[in-house]
């Protein structure tokens, strides 16, 4: 088999990207208060801020968009969307939402109350915020290997099953409205969860009669990791693996902006009839009628096709291999990353990259801003700014949009990271000048420490 990684598609339409000078980027960064979320997208050369909604849609998706039925209730597009989702996820109720965090808000608003505890392998930012907003506590129970960037383990996203048992025993089943598994584990480095771990977590949930929900944003990537890393799954298709994975749960939240291959949309699934009715009632109040849920019919069509395309083996092989290409190339030069490379992103270990910057000066933000200054690359901090003092790691996530960048773009990213690695001792820490009470990383304002001290 050829060793060269090629994109399993041809480019049919292009979008120009614009170069900037370092002097221009210095001014832009100051104007954005050293928060890359506040940069204009036109001033970013390679945008690795997120893989959420930033992918390129296929010709089949664009063709499906023309079939969009914009009827307010009972549209044909919803039916095609429902059938496609149920084919993979298998749950009785499929409730569309405008994106994943809307599904999270509805789920936790209906199931959680003050004093409840929601275990997860690792909550991502909006999941944690939506749990905490209703007064519940979000608890991360990832295995010990998942908290150490250097440890090489095939399934670092796994939940600590013993810790889950202990937590339920300590707080009581009545205070655990549901258990969640995030696949793949985004906050922990895009690391997968094994089928064996899913079965064990499911068994604990069944024993205590606690529903198990998946944060299914990157379910296709997780399924492919199971195929190539877990014995007895080599001969199964990613779709068959996904179907088995979800059979161990009771529902899921989904951002279709990831492995739905769409630019907007999400959904909430459940097998609980009573819960589904409560969720639909809240959906009507805040999102829309249950057959559109805040989405246009054309968006439902794009998701219906995209969910199936995300499970195509040629695509997944390319996707995982191209991400690993980036991680392995920089790691060969000593750049510390979360090992092994994740599915949708490479995570730089900022604490190891910049050991001279203390955690309270946000080393991952400092590293992310330096990547922008050096080469116009936008990434995102997952660490002290995002999660506060509870952050176990300070990471810079380089999230690769689906079907957008070519091999030469990735080679450029490698080159810029290695340049920053050479100059790492000169990078300074940052401090906050403004922060919001929730999800502060989206709007926080910062400045270099030495400008005031």
Protein backbone atom coordinates (compact mmCIF):
# COMPACT_ATOMS: atom_id res chain seq x y z
CA UNK A 1 0.00 0.00 0.00
CA UNK A 2 1.40 3.48 -0.86
CA UNK A 3 2.87 5.37 2.09
CA UNK A 4 1.80 8.82 0.90
CA UNK A 5 -1.35 10.16 2.55
CA UNK A 6 -3.72 11.60 -0.03
CA UNK A 7 -7.05 13.29 0.43
CA UNK A 8 -9.81 10.84 -0.66
CA UNK A 9 -11.58 13.59 -2.58
CA UNK A 10 -11.05 16.16 -5.32
CA UNK A 11 -11.37 19.92 -4.78
CA UNK A 12 -14.30 21.39 -6.69
CA UNK A 13 -14.55 24.85 -5.13
CA UNK A 14 -11.96 27.00 -3.38
CA UNK A 15 -11.90 29.84 -0.87
CA UNK A 16 -8.92 32.23 -0.94
CA UNK A 17 -6.93 32.77 2.27
CA UNK A 18 -4.95 35.94 2.95
CA UNK A 19 -1.40 36.47 4.12
CA UNK A 20 -0.55 39.01 6.82
CA UNK A 21 2.81 40.29 8.05
CA UNK A 22 4.07 39.75 11.58
CA UNK A 23 3.71 43.49 12.26
CA UNK A 24 0.07 43.32 11.18
CA UNK A 25 -0.50 40.29 13.39
CA UNK A 26 1.04 42.03 16.39
CA UNK A 27 -1.45 44.89 15.99
CA UNK A 28 -4.34 42.51 15.42
CA UNK A 29 -3.47 40.50 18.50
CA UNK A 30 -3.33 43.59 20.71
CA UNK A 31 -6.69 44.75 19.32
CA UNK A 32 -8.11 41.30 20.15
CA UNK A 33 -6.78 41.55 23.72
CA UNK A 34 -4.64 38.42 23.16
CA UNK A 35 -7.76 36.27 22.79
CA UNK A 36 -7.78 34.42 19.47
CA UNK A 37 -11.57 34.10 19.58
CA UNK A 38 -11.73 37.88 19.11
CA UNK A 39 -9.69 37.91 15.88
CA UNK A 40 -11.41 38.55 12.55
CA UNK A 41 -11.36 35.31 10.56
CA UNK A 42 -10.05 37.14 7.48
CA UNK A 43 -6.83 37.79 9.38
CA UNK A 44 -6.20 34.10 10.06
CA UNK A 45 -4.18 32.07 7.55
CA UNK A 46 -4.70 28.53 8.88
CA UNK A 47 -7.70 28.32 11.19
CA UNK A 48 -7.40 25.41 13.64
CA UNK A 49 -9.51 27.05 16.36
CA UNK A 50 -12.13 24.31 16.06
CA UNK A 51 -13.35 21.48 13.86
CA UNK A 52 -16.94 22.39 14.79
CA UNK A 53 -18.94 23.55 11.77
CA UNK A 54 -15.79 24.45 9.84
CA UNK A 55 -15.67 21.45 7.51
CA UNK A 56 -16.33 21.31 3.77
CA UNK A 57 -19.54 19.65 2.62
CA UNK A 58 -19.63 17.07 -0.16
CA UNK A 59 -21.38 17.26 -3.52
CA UNK A 60 -23.96 14.81 -2.13
CA UNK A 61 -24.66 17.13 0.79
CA UNK A 62 -25.02 20.16 -1.48
CA UNK A 63 -27.35 18.18 -3.71
CA UNK A 64 -29.41 17.14 -0.69
CA UNK A 65 -29.71 20.78 0.38
CA UNK A 66 -31.74 21.43 -2.78
CA UNK A 67 -34.25 18.87 -1.50
CA UNK A 68 -34.80 20.86 1.69
CA UNK A 69 -38.46 20.93 2.73
CA UNK A 70 -39.01 24.09 4.76
CA UNK A 71 -42.46 23.13 6.04
CA UNK A 72 -42.85 24.27 9.64
CA UNK A 73 -44.20 20.91 10.80
CA UNK A 74 -43.82 17.38 9.50
CA UNK A 75 -41.34 18.15 6.71
CA UNK A 76 -39.93 15.39 4.48
CA UNK A 77 -36.44 16.63 5.42
CA UNK A 78 -37.03 15.81 9.07
CA UNK A 79 -38.11 12.29 8.16
CA UNK A 80 -34.93 11.69 6.15
CA UNK A 81 -32.89 13.17 9.00
CA UNK A 82 -34.63 10.95 11.58
CA UNK A 83 -34.16 7.78 9.54
CA UNK A 84 -30.46 8.47 9.00
CA UNK A 85 -29.85 9.19 12.69
CA UNK A 86 -31.82 6.17 13.90
CA UNK A 87 -29.95 3.94 11.46
CA UNK A 88 -26.72 4.74 13.35
CA UNK A 89 -27.74 5.66 16.88
CA UNK A 90 -30.77 3.41 17.23
CA UNK A 91 -32.66 5.54 19.78
CA UNK A 92 -36.45 5.85 19.67
CA UNK A 93 -36.64 9.66 19.80
CA UNK A 94 -34.47 11.99 17.69
CA UNK A 95 -34.96 15.65 18.58
CA UNK A 96 -33.22 18.22 16.34
CA UNK A 97 -31.54 21.29 17.82
CA UNK A 98 -29.58 24.14 16.29
CA UNK A 99 -26.31 22.75 17.71
CA UNK A 100 -24.92 20.46 20.39
CA UNK A 101 -24.97 22.86 23.31
CA UNK A 102 -28.71 23.37 22.81
CA UNK A 103 -29.15 19.61 23.18
CA UNK A 104 -27.05 19.72 26.35
CA UNK A 105 -29.07 22.60 27.80
CA UNK A 106 -32.37 20.82 27.19
CA UNK A 107 -31.11 17.49 28.55
CA UNK A 108 -29.67 18.91 31.77
CA UNK A 109 -32.56 21.33 32.30
CA UNK A 110 -35.00 18.41 32.25
CA UNK A 111 -32.94 15.79 34.13
CA UNK A 112 -30.80 17.71 36.66
CA UNK A 113 -31.41 19.78 39.77
CA UNK A 114 -29.30 21.53 42.37
CA UNK A 115 -27.23 19.03 44.33
CA UNK A 116 -27.07 16.45 41.54
CA UNK A 117 -23.80 15.04 40.21
CA UNK A 118 -23.11 14.23 36.55
CA UNK A 119 -20.09 11.96 35.97
CA UNK A 120 -18.28 12.02 32.62
CA UNK A 121 -14.92 10.80 31.40
CA UNK A 122 -14.16 14.49 30.80
CA UNK A 123 -16.74 17.23 30.33
CA UNK A 124 -16.00 19.71 27.57
CA UNK A 125 -16.58 23.42 28.13
CA UNK A 126 -20.24 23.82 27.14
CA UNK A 127 -21.20 20.48 28.71
CA UNK A 128 -19.69 21.48 32.03
CA UNK A 129 -21.24 24.94 31.86
CA UNK A 130 -24.72 23.58 31.14
CA UNK A 131 -24.45 21.10 34.03
CA UNK A 132 -23.30 23.80 36.41
CA UNK A 133 -25.88 26.32 35.18
CA UNK A 134 -28.72 24.20 36.60
CA UNK A 135 -26.88 23.82 39.93
CA UNK A 136 -25.49 20.31 39.41
CA UNK A 137 -21.85 19.27 39.74
CA UNK A 138 -19.83 18.07 36.74
CA UNK A 139 -17.32 15.40 37.78
CA UNK A 140 -14.53 14.11 35.52
CA UNK A 141 -13.59 10.44 35.97
CA UNK A 142 -11.12 9.77 33.17
CA UNK A 143 -8.53 7.04 33.81
CA UNK A 144 -5.17 8.10 35.28
CA UNK A 145 -3.42 7.66 31.90
CA UNK A 146 -5.78 10.25 30.43
CA UNK A 147 -4.41 12.91 32.76
CA UNK A 148 -0.78 12.44 31.69
CA UNK A 149 0.06 13.85 28.24
CA UNK A 150 3.18 11.70 27.90
CA UNK A 151 1.58 8.32 28.60
CA UNK A 152 0.98 6.29 25.45
CA UNK A 153 -2.24 4.33 25.90
CA UNK A 154 -4.61 3.24 23.09
CA UNK A 155 -7.78 4.37 24.90
CA UNK A 156 -6.87 7.32 27.13
CA UNK A 157 -10.47 8.54 26.94
CA UNK A 158 -11.73 5.62 29.05
CA UNK A 159 -13.73 6.28 32.20
CA UNK A 160 -12.43 5.00 35.54
CA UNK A 161 -15.14 2.42 36.23
CA UNK A 162 -14.13 1.88 39.85
CA UNK A 163 -14.28 5.63 40.49
CA UNK A 164 -17.75 5.70 38.94
CA UNK A 165 -18.92 2.94 41.29
CA UNK A 166 -17.45 4.78 44.26
CA UNK A 167 -19.04 8.09 43.25
CA UNK A 168 -22.52 6.58 42.89
CA UNK A 169 -22.10 4.82 46.24
CA UNK A 170 -20.93 8.00 47.95
CA UNK A 171 -23.52 10.51 46.68
CA UNK A 172 -26.38 8.03 46.21
CA UNK A 173 -28.13 6.93 43.05
CA UNK A 174 -30.89 9.54 43.51
CA UNK A 175 -28.30 12.32 43.05
CA UNK A 176 -26.89 10.90 39.80
CA UNK A 177 -29.53 11.63 37.11
CA UNK A 178 -27.32 10.29 34.31
CA UNK A 179 -23.78 9.28 33.39
CA UNK A 180 -22.09 10.64 30.26
CA UNK A 181 -19.30 9.35 28.05
CA UNK A 182 -17.66 11.78 25.62
CA UNK A 183 -16.49 10.00 22.45
CA UNK A 184 -13.81 10.88 21.57
CA UNK A 185 -12.66 12.61 24.75
CA UNK A 186 -12.08 16.15 23.49
CA UNK A 187 -10.72 17.81 26.64
CA UNK A 188 -8.36 14.90 27.19
CA UNK A 189 -6.63 15.17 23.84
CA UNK A 190 -9.18 13.77 21.40
CA UNK A 191 -8.57 10.32 22.86
CA UNK A 192 -10.93 7.40 22.15
CA UNK A 193 -13.01 5.26 24.50
CA UNK A 194 -12.82 1.48 24.04
CA UNK A 195 -15.85 -0.73 23.51
CA UNK A 196 -14.77 -2.76 26.53
CA UNK A 197 -14.86 0.37 28.69
CA UNK A 198 -18.25 1.36 27.26
CA UNK A 199 -19.64 -2.06 28.17
CA UNK A 200 -18.28 -1.82 31.72
CA UNK A 201 -19.64 1.70 32.25
CA UNK A 202 -22.99 0.54 30.85
CA UNK A 203 -23.04 -2.40 33.28
CA UNK A 204 -22.50 -0.07 36.25
CA UNK A 205 -25.30 2.18 35.01
CA UNK A 206 -27.66 -0.77 34.55
CA UNK A 207 -26.81 -2.06 38.01
CA UNK A 208 -27.72 1.27 39.62
CA UNK A 209 -30.54 2.06 37.14
CA UNK A 210 -28.82 5.25 36.00
CA UNK A 211 -29.23 6.27 32.32
CA UNK A 212 -26.07 6.33 30.20
CA UNK A 213 -25.77 9.12 27.64
CA UNK A 214 -23.07 9.73 25.05
CA UNK A 215 -21.64 13.06 24.01
CA UNK A 216 -21.45 11.70 20.48
CA UNK A 217 -19.84 14.61 18.60
CA UNK A 218 -16.96 12.53 17.24
CA UNK A 219 -18.56 9.09 17.28
CA UNK A 220 -17.22 8.11 13.84
CA UNK A 221 -13.62 8.81 14.80
CA UNK A 222 -14.08 6.86 18.04
CA UNK A 223 -15.53 3.95 16.05
CA UNK A 224 -12.51 3.91 13.75
CA UNK A 225 -10.09 3.88 16.69
CA UNK A 226 -11.96 0.87 18.08
CA UNK A 227 -11.65 -0.85 14.70
CA UNK A 228 -7.87 -0.42 14.47
CA UNK A 229 -6.94 -0.73 18.17
CA UNK A 230 -9.36 -3.16 19.80
CA UNK A 231 -9.22 -6.90 19.20
CA UNK A 232 -12.22 -8.57 17.56
CA UNK A 233 -13.31 -5.35 15.79
CA UNK A 234 -10.85 -5.40 12.87
CA UNK A 235 -13.35 -6.97 10.49
CA UNK A 236 -16.30 -4.77 11.47
CA UNK A 237 -17.22 -1.58 9.65
CA UNK A 238 -17.16 1.76 11.49
CA UNK A 239 -20.95 1.86 11.15
CA UNK A 240 -21.38 -1.55 12.76
CA UNK A 241 -19.09 -0.46 15.58
CA UNK A 242 -21.03 2.77 16.09
CA UNK A 243 -24.32 0.87 16.21
CA UNK A 244 -22.97 -1.46 18.88
CA UNK A 245 -21.49 1.43 20.85
CA UNK A 246 -24.80 3.27 21.11
CA UNK A 247 -26.69 0.08 21.94
CA UNK A 248 -25.10 0.20 25.40
CA UNK A 249 -26.62 3.62 26.14
CA UNK A 250 -29.99 5.25 26.68
CA UNK A 251 -29.49 8.40 24.63
CA UNK A 252 -27.02 10.99 23.41
CA UNK A 253 -26.34 14.61 22.68
CA UNK A 254 -24.82 15.38 19.31
CA UNK A 255 -23.22 18.34 17.62
CA UNK A 256 -23.66 17.59 13.93
CA UNK A 257 -21.01 20.24 13.28
CA UNK A 258 -18.36 17.59 13.97
CA UNK A 259 -19.01 14.04 12.75
CA UNK A 260 -22.29 15.15 11.21
CA UNK A 261 -20.12 16.89 8.59
CA UNK A 262 -22.45 19.91 8.56
CA UNK A 263 -21.91 23.61 9.24
CA UNK A 264 -24.72 23.87 11.78
CA UNK A 265 -27.06 21.57 13.67
CA UNK A 266 -27.31 18.94 16.36
CA UNK A 267 -29.76 16.65 18.07
CA UNK A 268 -30.79 14.97 21.30
CA UNK A 269 -31.74 11.29 21.44
CA UNK A 270 -33.45 9.20 24.09
CA UNK A 271 -35.33 5.94 24.54
CA UNK A 272 -37.41 7.41 27.40
CA UNK A 273 -40.90 8.39 26.15
CA UNK A 274 -41.76 10.61 29.12
CA UNK A 275 -38.39 12.37 29.03
CA UNK A 276 -38.69 12.89 25.28
CA UNK A 277 -42.03 14.66 25.73
CA UNK A 278 -40.56 16.97 28.38
CA UNK A 279 -37.61 17.70 26.12
CA UNK A 280 -39.86 18.44 23.16
CA UNK A 281 -41.94 20.81 25.29
CA UNK A 282 -38.79 22.76 26.19
CA UNK A 283 -37.61 22.55 22.58
CA UNK A 284 -40.80 24.23 21.36
CA UNK A 285 -40.28 27.02 23.90
CA UNK A 286 -36.66 27.76 23.04
CA UNK A 287 -35.63 26.14 19.73
CA UNK A 288 -38.59 25.36 17.51
CA UNK A 289 -41.12 22.70 16.56
CA UNK A 290 -39.88 19.10 17.08
CA UNK A 291 -39.60 18.45 13.35
CA UNK A 292 -37.15 21.30 12.75
CA UNK A 293 -35.75 22.30 16.16
CA UNK A 294 -34.22 25.60 15.07
CA UNK A 295 -32.84 24.27 11.78
CA UNK A 296 -33.81 24.84 8.20
CA UNK A 297 -34.96 21.80 6.23
CA UNK A 298 -31.82 22.07 4.09
CA UNK A 299 -29.67 21.75 7.23
CA UNK A 300 -31.51 18.58 8.21
CA UNK A 301 -30.80 17.20 4.74
CA UNK A 302 -27.08 18.01 4.98
CA UNK A 303 -26.85 16.26 8.36
CA UNK A 304 -28.75 13.19 7.11
CA UNK A 305 -26.12 12.69 4.40
CA UNK A 306 -23.16 13.80 6.51
CA UNK A 307 -23.77 11.30 9.32
CA UNK A 308 -23.39 8.46 6.82
CA UNK A 309 -20.37 10.01 5.06
CA UNK A 310 -18.54 10.39 8.38
CA UNK A 311 -18.51 6.59 8.70
CA UNK A 312 -16.89 5.93 5.31
CA UNK A 313 -13.73 3.97 5.97
CA UNK A 314 -11.56 5.66 3.30
CA UNK A 315 -12.38 9.03 4.79
CA UNK A 316 -11.72 7.93 8.39
CA UNK A 317 -8.42 6.29 7.47
CA UNK A 318 -7.28 9.54 5.84
CA UNK A 319 -8.64 11.66 8.68
CA UNK A 320 -6.83 9.79 11.45
CA UNK A 321 -3.62 9.34 9.44
CA UNK A 322 -3.35 13.02 8.48
CA UNK A 323 -3.84 14.12 12.09
CA UNK A 324 -1.17 11.67 13.24
CA UNK A 325 1.14 12.99 10.51
CA UNK A 326 1.10 16.43 12.12
CA UNK A 327 1.61 15.10 15.62
CA UNK A 328 4.36 12.65 14.77
CA UNK A 329 6.36 15.17 12.74
CA UNK A 330 6.55 17.73 15.52
CA UNK A 331 7.06 15.10 18.23
CA UNK A 332 10.11 13.77 16.34
CA UNK A 333 11.73 17.17 16.96
CA UNK A 334 11.01 17.09 20.69
CA UNK A 335 7.78 19.12 20.74
CA UNK A 336 5.68 17.79 23.66
CA UNK A 337 2.20 16.67 22.61
CA UNK A 338 -0.57 14.55 24.09
CA UNK A 339 0.36 11.01 23.08
CA UNK A 340 -0.82 9.22 21.07
CA UNK A 341 -2.15 11.74 18.50
CA UNK A 342 -5.91 12.24 18.74
CA UNK A 343 -8.55 11.87 16.09
CA UNK A 344 -9.62 15.42 15.26
CA UNK A 345 -6.73 17.41 16.69
CA UNK A 346 -3.18 17.54 17.96
CA UNK A 347 -2.77 18.88 21.49
CA UNK A 348 0.46 20.64 22.43
CA UNK A 349 1.44 20.21 26.09
CA UNK A 350 1.99 23.85 27.00
CA UNK A 351 3.29 23.14 30.51
CA UNK A 352 6.11 21.04 29.06
CA UNK A 353 6.58 23.39 26.08
CA UNK A 354 6.86 26.50 28.30
CA UNK A 355 7.99 25.28 31.74
CA UNK A 356 9.15 28.80 32.67
CA UNK A 357 5.57 30.16 32.57
CA UNK A 358 3.56 29.32 35.72
CA UNK A 359 0.03 27.93 35.34
CA UNK A 360 -1.54 31.14 36.67
CA UNK A 361 -0.01 33.00 33.71
CA UNK A 362 -1.80 30.78 31.17
CA UNK A 363 1.04 29.04 29.32
CA UNK A 364 -1.34 27.52 26.74
CA UNK A 365 -2.77 30.93 25.85
CA UNK A 366 0.76 32.29 25.55
CA UNK A 367 1.72 29.45 23.22
CA UNK A 368 -1.41 29.84 21.11
CA UNK A 369 -0.82 33.56 20.64
CA UNK A 370 2.79 32.90 19.64
CA UNK A 371 1.68 30.46 16.94
CA UNK A 372 -0.52 33.20 15.53
CA UNK A 373 2.25 35.78 15.65
CA UNK A 374 4.74 33.46 13.98
CA UNK A 375 2.58 32.14 11.17
CA UNK A 376 -1.04 33.29 11.31
CA UNK A 377 -2.24 29.98 12.78
CA UNK A 378 -5.26 30.15 15.09
CA UNK A 379 -5.65 27.43 17.72
CA UNK A 380 -7.42 27.22 21.08
CA UNK A 381 -6.35 26.88 24.71
CA UNK A 382 -7.76 23.99 26.72
CA UNK A 383 -6.51 24.54 30.22
CA UNK A 384 -6.41 27.13 32.97
CA UNK A 385 -8.34 29.81 31.07
CA UNK A 386 -11.06 27.43 29.92
CA UNK A 387 -11.46 25.39 33.12
CA UNK A 388 -9.96 27.56 35.86
CA UNK A 389 -7.84 26.17 38.67
CA UNK A 390 -9.41 22.72 38.21
CA UNK A 391 -7.59 22.25 34.88
CA UNK A 392 -5.46 19.10 35.03
CA UNK A 393 -3.45 20.07 31.94
CA UNK A 394 -2.68 23.17 29.89
CA UNK A 395 -3.07 22.23 26.24
CA UNK A 396 -3.15 24.00 22.89
CA UNK A 397 -5.56 22.24 20.57
CA UNK A 398 -4.90 22.31 16.83
CA UNK A 399 -8.30 21.13 15.58
CA UNK A 400 -8.29 20.14 11.92
CA UNK A 401 -11.46 21.00 9.97
CA UNK A 402 -12.85 18.11 7.93
CA UNK A 403 -12.01 18.03 4.21
CA UNK A 404 -10.64 21.59 4.22
CA UNK A 405 -6.83 21.68 4.36
CA UNK A 406 -4.37 19.77 2.18
CA UNK A 407 -1.06 18.12 3.02
CA UNK A 408 0.89 21.29 2.20
CA UNK A 409 -1.17 23.26 4.72
CA UNK A 410 -0.28 20.70 7.39
CA UNK A 411 3.41 20.86 6.39
CA UNK A 412 3.24 24.63 6.88
CA UNK A 413 1.76 24.15 10.36
CA UNK A 414 4.62 21.77 11.22
CA UNK A 415 7.14 24.38 10.07
CA UNK A 416 5.61 27.17 12.19
CA UNK A 417 5.37 25.02 15.33
CA UNK A 418 9.04 24.08 15.00
CA UNK A 419 10.01 27.75 14.63
CA UNK A 420 8.11 28.60 17.82
CA UNK A 421 9.75 25.63 19.56
CA UNK A 422 13.18 27.13 18.80
CA UNK A 423 12.15 30.47 20.36
CA UNK A 424 10.17 29.09 23.28
CA UNK A 425 12.36 30.56 26.05
CA UNK A 426 11.42 34.11 25.00
CA UNK A 427 7.63 33.61 25.24
CA UNK A 428 5.96 35.52 28.09
CA UNK A 429 2.95 34.71 30.24
CA UNK A 430 -0.38 36.55 30.27
CA UNK A 431 -2.87 37.84 32.79
CA UNK A 432 -6.61 38.51 32.62
CA UNK A 433 -7.99 42.03 32.46
CA UNK A 434 -11.64 40.97 31.90
CA UNK A 435 -13.56 37.72 32.34
CA UNK A 436 -17.21 36.63 32.10
CA UNK A 437 -18.83 34.49 34.85
CA UNK A 438 -19.42 31.54 32.47
CA UNK A 439 -17.28 30.20 29.64
CA UNK A 440 -14.82 33.03 30.14
CA UNK A 441 -12.37 31.83 27.48
CA UNK A 442 -14.69 32.93 24.68
CA UNK A 443 -14.63 36.63 25.61
CA UNK A 444 -11.78 37.10 28.11
CA UNK A 445 -9.33 39.95 27.63
CA UNK A 446 -5.67 39.47 28.49
CA UNK A 447 -2.32 41.22 28.28
CA UNK A 448 1.32 40.20 28.65
CA UNK A 449 2.39 40.12 32.30
CA UNK A 450 5.39 42.41 31.84
CA UNK A 451 3.24 45.26 30.51
CA UNK A 452 1.91 45.91 34.02
CA UNK A 453 4.49 44.33 36.33
